[in-house]
Amino acid sequence: MVGVYRFLLTPRWIAATAVGVVAIVVCLLLGTWQLGRFEARVDTHRNTAAAAAAQASAAPLGEVLTAGSPQVNTDTVGRAVTVTGSYDTAHQLLVPGRTLDGRQGYYVLTPLRTADGRAAAVVRGWAPGDPGSGPAVPAAPAGEVTVAGRLQAPENSGSGGAVAGGLPAGQLGTISPATLINVLPYPVYDGWVAADGATGPLTAVPTVEPQGGNGLTLRAFQNLGYTLEWFVFAGFVVFMWFRLVRREAEAAQDRALGLV
């Protein structure tokens, strides 16, 4: 039986086996490298999350949105902030078409005018049903208040179940500076603030993470997919080597028996 495999000692098969071994080693090295890239991205994600947690202490909105970075970005979205001012109840807005825990409802947005003349778009909470159909919305506190909440990114026209066009007065389809400038007589900060500690019947709005924000990116999972592919390639090389060896051995055995 051993003699059947004597062909493995021929120069052709020695060379083929060497090429196969090199191919397996290369595939394993590339797979290990891609796995290392994936683990590095996971570590980066964890470090980013840890840094965000370390910065969880609330900071004044005016400091978070500084003159050097006046817009909400992936580093500041979800950041705990405080903002001091007076609620402008005359320009309160209801934002319909919002879902929370599988239920339809609307946001209650009350501008909070600050000492610098700008206003923060403060969503005091979410209420179930359509605007005006449920319990009365509690009035915003009078006088100067300090609101604690989480900074949210401006919405686009297709986000958050926004209702487009034909809304009654006092309602807003999308929360963004571009839409607020049309209904408020003063400038506003970028983004909006989801207030903590909403009072019934309002429910506090959870943070909406932006696309491509703090989660693992698609590239990280591509690295994981490439890892699997390279390991599969290595296994395929092994499979094909044994298959060719078996075929050659069967052909040699047939020749020895005079069948071919």
C-alpha atoms as a PDB file:
ATOM      1  CA  MET A   1       0.000   0.000   0.000  1.00  0.00           C
ATOM      2  CA  VAL A   2       2.865   2.318   0.825  1.00  0.00           C
ATOM      3  CA  GLY A   3       4.228   1.788  -2.648  1.00  0.00           C
ATOM      4  CA  VAL A   4       1.090   3.321  -4.110  1.00  0.00           C
ATOM      5  CA  TYR A   5       2.098   6.656  -2.623  1.00  0.00           C
ATOM      6  CA  ARG A   6       5.680   6.550  -3.908  1.00  0.00           C
ATOM      7  CA  PHE A   7       4.635   9.254  -6.409  1.00  0.00           C
ATOM      8  CA  LEU A   8       4.690  11.728  -3.520  1.00  0.00           C
ATOM      9  CA  LEU A   9       8.497  11.558  -3.646  1.00  0.00           C
ATOM     10  CA  THR A  10       8.638  12.613  -7.289  1.00  0.00           C
ATOM     11  CA  PRO A  11       9.839  16.172  -8.011  1.00  0.00           C
ATOM     12  CA  ARG A  12       6.428  17.158  -9.375  1.00  0.00           C
ATOM     13  CA  TRP A  13       4.585  16.163  -6.211  1.00  0.00           C
ATOM     14  CA  ILE A  14       7.259  17.520  -3.901  1.00  0.00           C
ATOM     15  CA  ALA A  15       6.911  20.874  -5.651  1.00  0.00           C
ATOM     16  CA  ALA A  16       3.095  20.716  -5.546  1.00  0.00           C
ATOM     17  CA  THR A  17       3.146  19.852  -1.848  1.00  0.00           C
ATOM     18  CA  ALA A  18       5.541  22.720  -1.128  1.00  0.00           C
ATOM     19  CA  VAL A  19       3.289  25.151  -2.992  1.00  0.00           C
ATOM     20  CA  GLY A  20       0.305  23.851  -1.023  1.00  0.00           C
ATOM     21  CA  VAL A  21       2.109  24.288   2.297  1.00  0.00           C
ATOM     22  CA  VAL A  22       3.110  27.840   1.357  1.00  0.00           C
ATOM     23  CA  ALA A  23      -0.488  28.620   0.327  1.00  0.00           C
ATOM     24  CA  ILE A  24      -1.820  27.276   3.637  1.00  0.00           C
ATOM     25  CA  VAL A  25       0.700  29.304   5.646  1.00  0.00           C
ATOM     26  CA  VAL A  26      -0.122  32.479   3.693  1.00  0.00           C
ATOM     27  CA  CYS A  27      -3.883  31.971   4.173  1.00  0.00           C
ATOM     28  CA  LEU A  28      -3.447  31.377   7.909  1.00  0.00           C
ATOM     29  CA  LEU A  29      -1.216  34.442   8.257  1.00  0.00           C
ATOM     30  CA  LEU A  30      -3.676  36.648   6.359  1.00  0.00           C
ATOM     31  CA  GLY A  31      -6.597  35.257   8.350  1.00  0.00           C
ATOM     32  CA  THR A  32      -4.752  35.925  11.609  1.00  0.00           C
ATOM     33  CA  TRP A  33      -3.925  39.449  10.439  1.00  0.00           C
ATOM     34  CA  GLN A  34      -7.578  40.172   9.592  1.00  0.00           C
ATOM     35  CA  LEU A  35      -8.622  38.761  12.965  1.00  0.00           C
ATOM     36  CA  GLY A  36      -6.135  41.096  14.614  1.00  0.00           C
ATOM     37  CA  ARG A  37      -7.624  44.033  12.703  1.00  0.00           C
ATOM     38  CA  PHE A  38     -11.105  43.076  13.904  1.00  0.00           C
ATOM     39  CA  GLU A  39      -9.949  42.782  17.515  1.00  0.00           C
ATOM     40  CA  ALA A  40      -8.206  46.162  17.233  1.00  0.00           C
ATOM     41  CA  ARG A  41     -11.437  47.768  16.020  1.00  0.00           C
ATOM     42  CA  VAL A  42     -13.342  46.134  18.884  1.00  0.00           C
ATOM     43  CA  ASP A  43     -10.799  47.500  21.356  1.00  0.00           C
ATOM     44  CA  THR A  44     -11.099  50.954  19.785  1.00  0.00           C
ATOM     45  CA  HIS A  45     -14.876  50.769  20.107  1.00  0.00           C
ATOM     46  CA  ARG A  46     -14.592  49.757  23.762  1.00  0.00           C
ATOM     47  CA  ASN A  47     -12.107  52.539  24.482  1.00  0.00           C
ATOM     48  CA  THR A  48     -14.394  55.071  22.798  1.00  0.00           C
ATOM     49  CA  ALA A  49     -17.341  53.863  24.852  1.00  0.00           C
ATOM     50  CA  ALA A  50     -15.232  54.039  28.019  1.00  0.00           C
ATOM     51  CA  ALA A  51     -14.138  57.579  27.171  1.00  0.00           C
ATOM     52  CA  ALA A  52     -17.745  58.567  26.571  1.00  0.00           C
ATOM     53  CA  ALA A  53     -18.713  57.101  29.935  1.00  0.00           C
ATOM     54  CA  ALA A  54     -15.884  59.017  31.566  1.00  0.00           C
ATOM     55  CA  GLN A  55     -17.312  62.221  30.113  1.00  0.00           C
ATOM     56  CA  ALA A  56     -20.826  61.418  31.291  1.00  0.00           C
ATOM     57  CA  SER A  57     -20.875  64.353  33.704  1.00  0.00           C
ATOM     58  CA  ALA A  58     -23.153  67.052  32.358  1.00  0.00           C
ATOM     59  CA  ALA A  59     -21.545  70.103  30.759  1.00  0.00           C
ATOM     60  CA  PRO A  60     -23.163  73.398  29.758  1.00  0.00           C
ATOM     61  CA  LEU A  61     -24.560  73.255  26.234  1.00  0.00           C
ATOM     62  CA  GLY A  62     -22.663  76.389  25.250  1.00  0.00           C
ATOM     63  CA  GLU A  63     -19.364  74.707  26.170  1.00  0.00           C
ATOM     64  CA  VAL A  64     -20.139  71.476  24.309  1.00  0.00           C
ATOM     65  CA  LEU A  65     -21.161  73.380  21.178  1.00  0.00           C
ATOM     66  CA  THR A  66     -18.267  75.813  21.176  1.00  0.00           C
ATOM     67  CA  ALA A  67     -17.420  78.294  18.453  1.00  0.00           C
ATOM     68  CA  GLY A  68     -14.775  75.850  17.201  1.00  0.00           C
ATOM     69  CA  SER A  69     -17.284  73.000  16.924  1.00  0.00           C
ATOM     70  CA  PRO A  70     -20.800  74.493  16.875  1.00  0.00           C
ATOM     71  CA  GLN A  71     -22.441  71.427  15.353  1.00  0.00           C
ATOM     72  CA  VAL A  72     -23.443  68.134  16.923  1.00  0.00           C
ATOM     73  CA  ASN A  73     -21.222  65.264  15.777  1.00  0.00           C
ATOM     74  CA  THR A  74     -20.567  61.640  16.695  1.00  0.00           C
ATOM     75  CA  ASP A  75     -18.378  62.771  19.608  1.00  0.00           C
ATOM     76  CA  THR A  76     -21.018  64.989  21.186  1.00  0.00           C
ATOM     77  CA  VAL A  77     -24.297  63.231  20.376  1.00  0.00           C
ATOM     78  CA  GLY A  78     -25.734  61.649  23.495  1.00  0.00           C
ATOM     79  CA  ARG A  79     -23.548  63.894  25.687  1.00  0.00           C
ATOM     80  CA  ALA A  80     -25.097  64.891  28.999  1.00  0.00           C
ATOM     81  CA  VAL A  81     -25.635  68.657  28.946  1.00  0.00           C
ATOM     82  CA  THR A  82     -27.290  71.389  30.927  1.00  0.00           C
ATOM     83  CA  VAL A  83     -28.815  74.554  29.567  1.00  0.00           C
ATOM     84  CA  THR A  84     -30.163  77.510  31.531  1.00  0.00           C
ATOM     85  CA  GLY A  85     -32.851  79.879  30.320  1.00  0.00           C
ATOM     86  CA  SER A  86     -36.579  80.513  30.155  1.00  0.00           C
ATOM     87  CA  TYR A  87     -39.113  78.396  28.298  1.00  0.00           C
ATOM     88  CA  ASP A  88     -40.897  80.152  25.431  1.00  0.00           C
ATOM     89  CA  THR A  89     -44.279  78.467  25.761  1.00  0.00           C
ATOM     90  CA  ALA A  90     -45.767  80.741  23.106  1.00  0.00           C
ATOM     91  CA  HIS A  91     -43.689  78.903  20.492  1.00  0.00           C
ATOM     92  CA  GLN A  92     -44.086  75.381  21.843  1.00  0.00           C
ATOM     93  CA  LEU A  93     -44.203  72.784  19.065  1.00  0.00           C
ATOM     94  CA  LEU A  94     -45.570  69.255  18.826  1.00  0.00           C
ATOM     95  CA  VAL A  95     -43.698  66.752  16.650  1.00  0.00           C
ATOM     96  CA  PRO A  96     -46.064  63.947  15.552  1.00  0.00           C
ATOM     97  CA  GLY A  97     -45.316  60.535  14.109  1.00  0.00           C
ATOM     98  CA  ARG A  98     -42.830  59.390  16.769  1.00  0.00           C
ATOM     99  CA  THR A  99     -42.603  55.796  18.008  1.00  0.00           C
ATOM    100  CA  LEU A 100     -41.511  54.781  21.499  1.00  0.00           C
ATOM    101  CA  ASP A 101     -41.622  51.162  22.703  1.00  0.00           C
ATOM    102  CA  GLY A 102     -43.732  50.249  19.691  1.00  0.00           C
ATOM    103  CA  ARG A 103     -46.379  52.914  20.345  1.00  0.00           C
ATOM    104  CA  GLN A 104     -47.139  55.921  18.174  1.00  0.00           C
ATOM    105  CA  GLY A 105     -47.015  59.357  19.721  1.00  0.00           C
ATOM    106  CA  TYR A 106     -45.409  62.774  19.495  1.00  0.00           C
ATOM    107  CA  TYR A 107     -42.668  64.891  21.009  1.00  0.00           C
ATOM    108  CA  VAL A 108     -43.310  68.051  22.991  1.00  0.00           C
ATOM    109  CA  LEU A 109     -40.671  70.617  22.003  1.00  0.00           C
ATOM    110  CA  THR A 110     -40.438  73.837  23.975  1.00  0.00           C
ATOM    111  CA  PRO A 111     -37.703  76.344  23.044  1.00  0.00           C
ATOM    112  CA  LEU A 112     -35.541  77.402  25.969  1.00  0.00           C
ATOM    113  CA  ARG A 113     -34.203  80.920  25.429  1.00  0.00           C
ATOM    114  CA  THR A 114     -30.744  81.482  26.876  1.00  0.00           C
ATOM    115  CA  ALA A 115     -28.904  84.611  27.962  1.00  0.00           C
ATOM    116  CA  ASP A 116     -26.924  84.806  24.699  1.00  0.00           C
ATOM    117  CA  GLY A 117     -30.106  85.276  22.665  1.00  0.00           C
ATOM    118  CA  ARG A 118     -30.172  81.812  21.165  1.00  0.00           C
ATOM    119  CA  ALA A 119     -32.568  79.053  22.115  1.00  0.00           C
ATOM    120  CA  ALA A 120     -32.101  75.352  22.753  1.00  0.00           C
ATOM    121  CA  ALA A 121     -34.732  73.085  21.232  1.00  0.00           C
ATOM    122  CA  VAL A 122     -35.707  71.115  24.328  1.00  0.00           C
ATOM    123  CA  VAL A 123     -37.891  68.044  23.868  1.00  0.00           C
ATOM    124  CA  ARG A 124     -39.545  67.816  27.254  1.00  0.00           C
ATOM    125  CA  GLY A 125     -40.846  64.326  26.511  1.00  0.00           C
ATOM    126  CA  TRP A 126     -42.955  61.961  24.428  1.00  0.00           C
ATOM    127  CA  ALA A 127     -46.721  61.554  24.714  1.00  0.00           C
ATOM    128  CA  PRO A 128     -48.853  58.738  23.221  1.00  0.00           C
ATOM    129  CA  GLY A 129     -51.415  59.206  20.458  1.00  0.00           C
ATOM    130  CA  ASP A 130     -51.907  62.161  18.158  1.00  0.00           C
ATOM    131  CA  PRO A 131     -51.322  65.763  19.242  1.00  0.00           C
ATOM    132  CA  GLY A 132     -54.365  66.992  21.145  1.00  0.00           C
ATOM    133  CA  SER A 133     -56.022  63.571  21.388  1.00  0.00           C
ATOM    134  CA  GLY A 134     -54.592  62.418  24.709  1.00  0.00           C
ATOM    135  CA  PRO A 135     -54.103  63.920  28.155  1.00  0.00           C
ATOM    136  CA  ALA A 136     -53.230  67.579  28.319  1.00  0.00           C
ATOM    137  CA  VAL A 137     -49.523  68.329  28.043  1.00  0.00           C
ATOM    138  CA  PRO A 138     -48.182  69.703  31.329  1.00  0.00           C
ATOM    139  CA  ALA A 139     -47.140  73.335  31.171  1.00  0.00           C
ATOM    140  CA  ALA A 140     -43.447  74.140  31.086  1.00  0.00           C
ATOM    141  CA  PRO A 141     -42.003  75.669  34.265  1.00  0.00           C
ATOM    142  CA  ALA A 142     -42.082  79.454  34.369  1.00  0.00           C
ATOM    143  CA  GLY A 143     -39.086  81.653  34.997  1.00  0.00           C
ATOM    144  CA  GLU A 144     -35.426  80.758  34.676  1.00  0.00           C
ATOM    145  CA  VAL A 145     -34.714  77.042  34.839  1.00  0.00           C
ATOM    146  CA  THR A 146     -31.753  74.741  34.283  1.00  0.00           C
ATOM    147  CA  VAL A 147     -32.588  71.746  32.135  1.00  0.00           C
ATOM    148  CA  ALA A 148     -30.486  68.579  32.220  1.00  0.00           C
ATOM    149  CA  GLY A 149     -30.661  66.256  29.255  1.00  0.00           C
ATOM    150  CA  ARG A 150     -28.809  64.553  26.408  1.00  0.00           C
ATOM    151  CA  LEU A 151     -27.693  66.256  23.229  1.00  0.00           C
ATOM    152  CA  GLN A 152     -29.262  64.834  20.056  1.00  0.00           C
ATOM    153  CA  ALA A 153     -28.266  65.241  16.419  1.00  0.00           C
ATOM    154  CA  PRO A 154     -30.432  67.280  14.034  1.00  0.00           C
ATOM    155  CA  GLU A 155     -32.883  65.139  12.113  1.00  0.00           C
ATOM    156  CA  ASN A 156     -33.162  64.851   8.384  1.00  0.00           C
ATOM    157  CA  SER A 157     -36.443  64.713   6.489  1.00  0.00           C
ATOM    158  CA  GLY A 158     -36.543  60.910   6.569  1.00  0.00           C
ATOM    159  CA  SER A 159     -35.611  60.262  10.197  1.00  0.00           C
ATOM    160  CA  GLY A 160     -37.560  59.357  13.289  1.00  0.00           C
ATOM    161  CA  GLY A 161     -40.857  58.800  11.528  1.00  0.00           C
ATOM    162  CA  ALA A 162     -41.076  62.487  10.685  1.00  0.00           C
ATOM    163  CA  VAL A 163     -44.361  63.580   9.148  1.00  0.00           C
ATOM    164  CA  ALA A 164     -43.925  65.490   5.918  1.00  0.00           C
ATOM    165  CA  GLY A 165     -45.949  68.454   4.717  1.00  0.00           C
ATOM    166  CA  GLY A 166     -49.416  69.783   5.554  1.00  0.00           C
ATOM    167  CA  LEU A 167     -49.004  69.954   9.333  1.00  0.00           C
ATOM    168  CA  PRO A 168     -51.291  72.198  11.382  1.00  0.00           C
ATOM    169  CA  ALA A 169     -49.899  75.308  13.017  1.00  0.00           C
ATOM    170  CA  GLY A 170     -47.939  74.477  16.131  1.00  0.00           C
ATOM    171  CA  GLN A 171     -46.640  71.185  14.760  1.00  0.00           C
ATOM    172  CA  LEU A 172     -43.254  70.323  13.287  1.00  0.00           C
ATOM    173  CA  GLY A 173     -42.243  67.400  11.093  1.00  0.00           C
ATOM    174  CA  THR A 174     -38.458  67.420  11.585  1.00  0.00           C
ATOM    175  CA  ILE A 175     -36.314  68.800  14.389  1.00  0.00           C
ATOM    176  CA  SER A 176     -33.422  70.685  12.830  1.00  0.00           C
ATOM    177  CA  PRO A 177     -32.130  74.262  12.679  1.00  0.00           C
ATOM    178  CA  ALA A 178     -33.337  74.453   9.060  1.00  0.00           C
ATOM    179  CA  THR A 179     -36.953  73.833  10.087  1.00  0.00           C
ATOM    180  CA  LEU A 180     -36.868  75.705  13.385  1.00  0.00           C
ATOM    181  CA  ILE A 181     -35.606  78.894  11.763  1.00  0.00           C
ATOM    182  CA  ASN A 182     -38.885  79.048   9.852  1.00  0.00           C
ATOM    183  CA  VAL A 183     -41.076  78.951  12.969  1.00  0.00           C
ATOM    184  CA  LEU A 184     -38.980  80.682  15.641  1.00  0.00           C
ATOM    185  CA  PRO A 185     -38.108  84.401  15.694  1.00  0.00           C
ATOM    186  CA  TYR A 186     -34.594  83.809  17.099  1.00  0.00           C
ATOM    187  CA  PRO A 187     -31.563  81.626  16.323  1.00  0.00           C
ATOM    188  CA  VAL A 188     -31.186  78.161  17.838  1.00  0.00           C
ATOM    189  CA  TYR A 189     -28.352  75.881  18.833  1.00  0.00           C
ATOM    190  CA  ASP A 190     -27.558  72.962  16.571  1.00  0.00           C
ATOM    191  CA  GLY A 191     -29.340  69.712  17.396  1.00  0.00           C
ATOM    192  CA  TRP A 192     -31.796  69.397  20.243  1.00  0.00           C
ATOM    193  CA  VAL A 193     -31.857  68.356  23.879  1.00  0.00           C
ATOM    194  CA  ALA A 194     -33.858  65.374  25.170  1.00  0.00           C
ATOM    195  CA  ALA A 195     -34.719  66.446  28.700  1.00  0.00           C
ATOM    196  CA  ASP A 196     -34.271  64.049  31.593  1.00  0.00           C
ATOM    197  CA  GLY A 197     -36.897  63.589  34.258  1.00  0.00           C
ATOM    198  CA  ALA A 198     -40.012  64.066  32.144  1.00  0.00           C
ATOM    199  CA  THR A 199     -43.223  64.471  34.146  1.00  0.00           C
ATOM    200  CA  GLY A 200     -46.405  62.504  33.393  1.00  0.00           C
ATOM    201  CA  PRO A 201     -47.978  61.973  31.001  1.00  0.00           C
ATOM    202  CA  LEU A 202     -44.697  62.700  29.210  1.00  0.00           C
ATOM    203  CA  THR A 203     -41.959  60.060  28.873  1.00  0.00           C
ATOM    204  CA  ALA A 204     -38.281  60.931  28.520  1.00  0.00           C
ATOM    205  CA  VAL A 205     -36.981  60.408  24.969  1.00  0.00           C
ATOM    206  CA  PRO A 206     -34.032  57.989  24.640  1.00  0.00           C
ATOM    207  CA  THR A 207     -30.876  59.024  22.831  1.00  0.00           C
ATOM    208  CA  VAL A 208     -30.943  58.400  19.090  1.00  0.00           C
ATOM    209  CA  GLU A 209     -27.472  57.343  17.924  1.00  0.00           C
ATOM    210  CA  PRO A 210     -26.451  58.703  14.509  1.00  0.00           C
ATOM    211  CA  GLN A 211     -25.674  56.359  11.652  1.00  0.00           C
ATOM    212  CA  GLY A 212     -22.035  55.331  11.768  1.00  0.00           C
ATOM    213  CA  GLY A 213     -21.743  56.648  15.306  1.00  0.00           C
ATOM    214  CA  ASN A 214     -20.455  54.825  18.364  1.00  0.00           C
ATOM    215  CA  GLY A 215     -21.301  51.301  17.243  1.00  0.00           C
ATOM    216  CA  LEU A 216     -18.941  48.912  15.505  1.00  0.00           C
ATOM    217  CA  THR A 217     -18.523  49.927  11.893  1.00  0.00           C
ATOM    218  CA  LEU A 218     -19.225  47.780   8.858  1.00  0.00           C
ATOM    219  CA  ARG A 219     -15.481  47.675   8.179  1.00  0.00           C
ATOM    220  CA  ALA A 220     -14.948  45.823  11.470  1.00  0.00           C
ATOM    221  CA  PHE A 221     -17.345  43.078  10.413  1.00  0.00           C
ATOM    222  CA  GLN A 222     -15.708  43.010   6.981  1.00  0.00           C
ATOM    223  CA  ASN A 223     -12.434  42.180   8.731  1.00  0.00           C
ATOM    224  CA  LEU A 224     -14.195  39.337  10.536  1.00  0.00           C
ATOM    225  CA  GLY A 225     -15.625  38.098   7.239  1.00  0.00           C
ATOM    226  CA  TYR A 226     -12.196  38.212   5.588  1.00  0.00           C
ATOM    227  CA  THR A 227     -10.797  36.215   8.516  1.00  0.00           C
ATOM    228  CA  LEU A 228     -13.297  33.446   7.875  1.00  0.00           C
ATOM    229  CA  GLU A 229     -12.607  33.539   4.131  1.00  0.00           C
ATOM    230  CA  TRP A 230      -8.844  33.098   4.541  1.00  0.00           C
ATOM    231  CA  PHE A 231      -9.289  30.189   6.952  1.00  0.00           C
ATOM    232  CA  VAL A 232     -11.742  28.594   4.509  1.00  0.00           C
ATOM    233  CA  PHE A 233      -9.189  29.024   1.711  1.00  0.00           C
ATOM    234  CA  ALA A 234      -6.577  27.237   3.848  1.00  0.00           C
ATOM    235  CA  GLY A 235      -8.992  24.379   4.472  1.00  0.00           C
ATOM    236  CA  PHE A 236      -9.807  24.217   0.762  1.00  0.00           C
ATOM    237  CA  VAL A 237      -6.114  23.850  -0.115  1.00  0.00           C
ATOM    238  CA  VAL A 238      -5.826  20.925   2.326  1.00  0.00           C
ATOM    239  CA  PHE A 239      -8.991  19.345   0.910  1.00  0.00           C
ATOM    240  CA  MET A 240      -7.810  19.643  -2.684  1.00  0.00           C
ATOM    241  CA  TRP A 241      -4.353  18.238  -1.851  1.00  0.00           C
ATOM    242  CA  PHE A 242      -5.834  15.101  -0.271  1.00  0.00           C
ATOM    243  CA  ARG A 243      -8.321  14.755  -3.115  1.00  0.00           C
ATOM    244  CA  LEU A 244      -5.585  14.939  -5.770  1.00  0.00           C
ATOM    245  CA  VAL A 245      -3.386  12.546  -3.789  1.00  0.00           C
ATOM    246  CA  ARG A 246      -6.241  10.053  -3.548  1.00  0.00           C
ATOM    247  CA  ARG A 247      -6.981  10.352  -7.263  1.00  0.00           C
ATOM    248  CA  GLU A 248      -3.301   9.856  -8.150  1.00  0.00           C
ATOM    249  CA  ALA A 249      -3.068   6.879  -5.780  1.00  0.00           C
ATOM    250  CA  GLU A 250      -6.130   5.241  -7.344  1.00  0.00           C
ATOM    251  CA  ALA A 251      -4.670   5.782 -10.820  1.00  0.00           C
ATOM    252  CA  ALA A 252      -1.334   4.254  -9.719  1.00  0.00           C
ATOM    253  CA  GLN A 253      -3.123   1.265  -8.208  1.00  0.00           C
ATOM    254  CA  ASP A 254      -5.070   0.740 -11.450  1.00  0.00           C
ATOM    255  CA  ARG A 255      -1.858   0.845 -13.434  1.00  0.00           C
ATOM    256  CA  ALA A 256      -0.270  -1.706 -11.103  1.00  0.00           C
ATOM    257  CA  LEU A 257      -3.194  -4.056 -11.612  1.00  0.00           C
ATOM    258  CA  GLY A 258      -3.060  -3.535 -15.365  1.00  0.00           C
ATOM    259  CA  LEU A 259      -6.498  -1.968 -15.507  1.00  0.00           C
ATOM    260  CA  VAL A 260      -5.263   0.980 -17.565  1.00  0.00           C
END
